Amino acid sequence: VAKDLGLQLPELSDRGIRVVSESRTDYFALHGKTGHLVTAERIDREQLCRLVEKCVLRCELIVQGQM
């Protein structure tokens, strides 16, 4: 994520970057030391998308300040 945004790792915490999603559970998080997007919770496809063939979890990154 840091590389995709063109930021250095220390800037991630300085800019208060956070991952948000529509669901109540935060399935993804930003790893502070590497800048990678990682899973924060166990993702159970059967529970989330039981009757849907294509299962999609959407999330957004919120970045404070100008890019």
N, C-alpha and C. Protein backbone atom coordinates (compact mmCIF):
# COMPACT_ATOMS: atom_id res chain seq x y z
N VAL A 1 0.83 -1.19 0.00
CA VAL A 1 0.00 0.00 0.00
C VAL A 1 0.87 1.25 0.00
N ALA A 2 1.90 1.24 0.82
CA ALA A 2 2.79 2.40 0.87
C ALA A 2 3.39 2.65 -0.51
N LYS A 3 3.83 1.61 -1.16
CA LYS A 3 4.43 1.74 -2.49
C LYS A 3 3.40 2.24 -3.49
N ASP A 4 2.19 1.69 -3.46
CA ASP A 4 1.14 2.10 -4.38
C ASP A 4 0.77 3.57 -4.20
N LEU A 5 0.81 4.06 -2.98
CA LEU A 5 0.47 5.46 -2.70
C LEU A 5 1.66 6.40 -2.89
N GLY A 6 2.85 5.83 -3.09
CA GLY A 6 4.04 6.65 -3.25
C GLY A 6 4.51 7.27 -1.94
N LEU A 7 4.28 6.55 -0.83
CA LEU A 7 4.67 7.04 0.49
C LEU A 7 5.78 6.19 1.07
N GLN A 8 6.55 6.77 1.97
CA GLN A 8 7.54 6.02 2.73
C GLN A 8 6.83 5.42 3.95
N LEU A 9 7.37 4.34 4.49
CA LEU A 9 6.72 3.66 5.62
C LEU A 9 6.41 4.58 6.81
N PRO A 10 7.31 5.46 7.24
CA PRO A 10 6.98 6.33 8.37
C PRO A 10 5.77 7.23 8.10
N GLU A 11 5.53 7.55 6.84
CA GLU A 11 4.40 8.41 6.49
C GLU A 11 3.05 7.74 6.72
N LEU A 12 3.03 6.41 6.72
CA LEU A 12 1.76 5.70 6.94
C LEU A 12 1.14 6.08 8.28
N SER A 13 1.94 6.05 9.33
CA SER A 13 1.40 6.40 10.64
C SER A 13 1.21 7.91 10.78
N ASP A 14 2.08 8.70 10.17
CA ASP A 14 1.97 10.16 10.23
C ASP A 14 0.66 10.64 9.59
N ARG A 15 0.23 9.96 8.54
CA ARG A 15 -0.98 10.37 7.82
C ARG A 15 -2.24 9.72 8.36
N GLY A 16 -2.13 8.89 9.38
CA GLY A 16 -3.30 8.27 9.98
C GLY A 16 -4.09 7.40 8.99
N ILE A 17 -3.39 6.66 8.16
CA ILE A 17 -4.05 5.80 7.18
C ILE A 17 -4.78 4.68 7.90
N ARG A 18 -6.03 4.45 7.49
CA ARG A 18 -6.79 3.35 8.09
C ARG A 18 -7.62 2.66 7.02
N VAL A 19 -7.93 1.41 7.28
CA VAL A 19 -8.72 0.60 6.37
C VAL A 19 -10.14 0.52 6.93
N VAL A 20 -11.12 0.83 6.11
CA VAL A 20 -12.52 0.76 6.53
C VAL A 20 -13.31 -0.08 5.54
N SER A 21 -14.38 -0.70 6.04
CA SER A 21 -15.24 -1.50 5.18
C SER A 21 -16.69 -1.29 5.56
N GLU A 22 -17.59 -1.78 4.73
CA GLU A 22 -19.01 -1.63 4.97
C GLU A 22 -19.51 -2.55 6.09
N SER A 23 -18.82 -3.64 6.30
CA SER A 23 -19.27 -4.61 7.31
C SER A 23 -18.84 -4.17 8.71
N ARG A 24 -19.42 -4.80 9.69
CA ARG A 24 -19.08 -4.49 11.08
C ARG A 24 -17.71 -5.05 11.46
N THR A 25 -17.30 -6.10 10.76
CA THR A 25 -16.02 -6.73 11.05
C THR A 25 -14.94 -6.15 10.15
N ASP A 26 -13.81 -5.82 10.75
CA ASP A 26 -12.67 -5.34 9.97
C ASP A 26 -11.84 -6.55 9.54
N TYR A 27 -12.00 -6.96 8.29
CA TYR A 27 -11.30 -8.13 7.80
C TYR A 27 -9.88 -7.82 7.35
N PHE A 28 -9.58 -6.56 7.10
CA PHE A 28 -8.27 -6.17 6.61
C PHE A 28 -7.65 -5.10 7.49
N ALA A 29 -6.32 -5.09 7.52
CA ALA A 29 -5.58 -4.08 8.29
C ALA A 29 -4.32 -3.74 7.51
N LEU A 30 -3.71 -2.67 7.91
CA LEU A 30 -2.46 -2.24 7.31
C LEU A 30 -1.32 -2.59 8.26
N HIS A 31 -0.37 -3.38 7.80
CA HIS A 31 0.77 -3.78 8.63
C HIS A 31 1.71 -2.59 8.74
N GLY A 32 1.90 -2.09 9.93
CA GLY A 32 2.67 -0.87 10.15
C GLY A 32 4.13 -0.94 9.77
N LYS A 33 4.76 -2.11 9.91
CA LYS A 33 6.20 -2.22 9.63
C LYS A 33 6.51 -2.47 8.16
N THR A 34 5.56 -3.06 7.42
CA THR A 34 5.83 -3.38 6.02
C THR A 34 5.01 -2.55 5.04
N GLY A 35 3.88 -2.00 5.50
CA GLY A 35 3.00 -1.26 4.61
C GLY A 35 2.11 -2.15 3.76
N HIS A 36 2.06 -3.45 4.09
CA HIS A 36 1.24 -4.40 3.34
C HIS A 36 -0.18 -4.42 3.88
N LEU A 37 -1.12 -4.70 2.99
CA LEU A 37 -2.51 -4.93 3.38
C LEU A 37 -2.60 -6.40 3.78
N VAL A 38 -3.06 -6.67 5.00
CA VAL A 38 -3.11 -8.04 5.53
C VAL A 38 -4.50 -8.35 6.05
N THR A 39 -4.80 -9.62 6.22
CA THR A 39 -6.08 -10.01 6.82
C THR A 39 -5.98 -9.82 8.33
N ALA A 40 -7.02 -9.23 8.90
CA ALA A 40 -7.04 -8.96 10.33
C ALA A 40 -7.91 -9.97 11.07
N GLU A 41 -8.80 -10.60 10.36
CA GLU A 41 -9.72 -11.58 10.93
C GLU A 41 -9.78 -12.77 9.99
N ARG A 42 -10.21 -13.88 10.55
CA ARG A 42 -10.43 -15.06 9.73
C ARG A 42 -11.60 -14.78 8.79
N ILE A 43 -11.45 -15.10 7.50
CA ILE A 43 -12.49 -14.85 6.52
C ILE A 43 -13.13 -16.19 6.16
N ASP A 44 -14.39 -16.33 6.52
CA ASP A 44 -15.15 -17.56 6.26
C ASP A 44 -16.06 -17.33 5.07
N ARG A 45 -15.66 -17.79 3.91
CA ARG A 45 -16.42 -17.57 2.69
C ARG A 45 -17.82 -18.17 2.79
N GLU A 46 -17.95 -19.33 3.39
CA GLU A 46 -19.26 -19.98 3.51
C GLU A 46 -20.24 -19.13 4.32
N GLN A 47 -19.74 -18.47 5.32
CA GLN A 47 -20.59 -17.62 6.15
C GLN A 47 -20.93 -16.30 5.44
N LEU A 48 -19.97 -15.71 4.77
CA LEU A 48 -20.17 -14.42 4.13
C LEU A 48 -20.96 -14.48 2.83
N CYS A 49 -20.68 -15.47 2.02
CA CYS A 49 -21.24 -15.53 0.66
C CYS A 49 -21.84 -16.90 0.38
N ARG A 50 -22.64 -17.37 1.26
CA ARG A 50 -23.17 -18.72 1.18
C ARG A 50 -23.81 -19.03 -0.18
N LEU A 51 -24.65 -18.16 -0.69
CA LEU A 51 -25.40 -18.45 -1.91
C LEU A 51 -24.89 -17.68 -3.13
N VAL A 52 -23.75 -17.05 -3.01
CA VAL A 52 -23.22 -16.23 -4.10
C VAL A 52 -21.97 -16.90 -4.66
N GLU A 53 -21.91 -17.03 -5.99
CA GLU A 53 -20.75 -17.67 -6.61
C GLU A 53 -19.50 -16.80 -6.51
N LYS A 54 -19.66 -15.50 -6.77
CA LYS A 54 -18.53 -14.58 -6.73
C LYS A 54 -18.59 -13.80 -5.42
N CYS A 55 -17.63 -14.03 -4.56
CA CYS A 55 -17.61 -13.41 -3.23
C CYS A 55 -16.60 -12.25 -3.23
N VAL A 56 -17.07 -11.05 -2.92
CA VAL A 56 -16.21 -9.87 -2.94
C VAL A 56 -16.32 -9.14 -1.61
N LEU A 57 -15.18 -8.84 -1.00
CA LEU A 57 -15.13 -8.02 0.20
C LEU A 57 -14.50 -6.70 -0.19
N ARG A 58 -15.21 -5.63 0.01
CA ARG A 58 -14.71 -4.31 -0.37
C ARG A 58 -14.20 -3.58 0.86
N CYS A 59 -13.13 -2.84 0.67
CA CYS A 59 -12.61 -1.99 1.73
C CYS A 59 -12.03 -0.73 1.09
N GLU A 60 -11.88 0.29 1.89
CA GLU A 60 -11.32 1.55 1.42
C GLU A 60 -10.20 1.98 2.36
N LEU A 61 -9.25 2.71 1.80
CA LEU A 61 -8.19 3.30 2.60
C LEU A 61 -8.51 4.78 2.79
N ILE A 62 -8.47 5.22 4.01
CA ILE A 62 -8.68 6.63 4.32
C ILE A 62 -7.31 7.22 4.65
N VAL A 63 -6.93 8.28 3.93
CA VAL A 63 -5.63 8.91 4.11
C VAL A 63 -5.87 10.39 4.46
N GLN A 64 -5.28 10.83 5.55
CA GLN A 64 -5.42 12.23 5.94
C GLN A 64 -4.39 13.07 5.20
N GLY A 65 -4.75 14.28 4.85
CA GLY A 65 -3.83 15.18 4.16
C GLY A 65 -3.90 15.03 2.66
N GLN A 66 -3.22 15.91 1.97
CA GLN A 66 -3.22 15.90 0.51
C GLN A 66 -2.30 14.81 -0.04
N MET A 67 -2.69 14.28 -1.17
CA MET A 67 -1.89 13.29 -1.88
C MET A 67 -1.32 13.93 -3.12
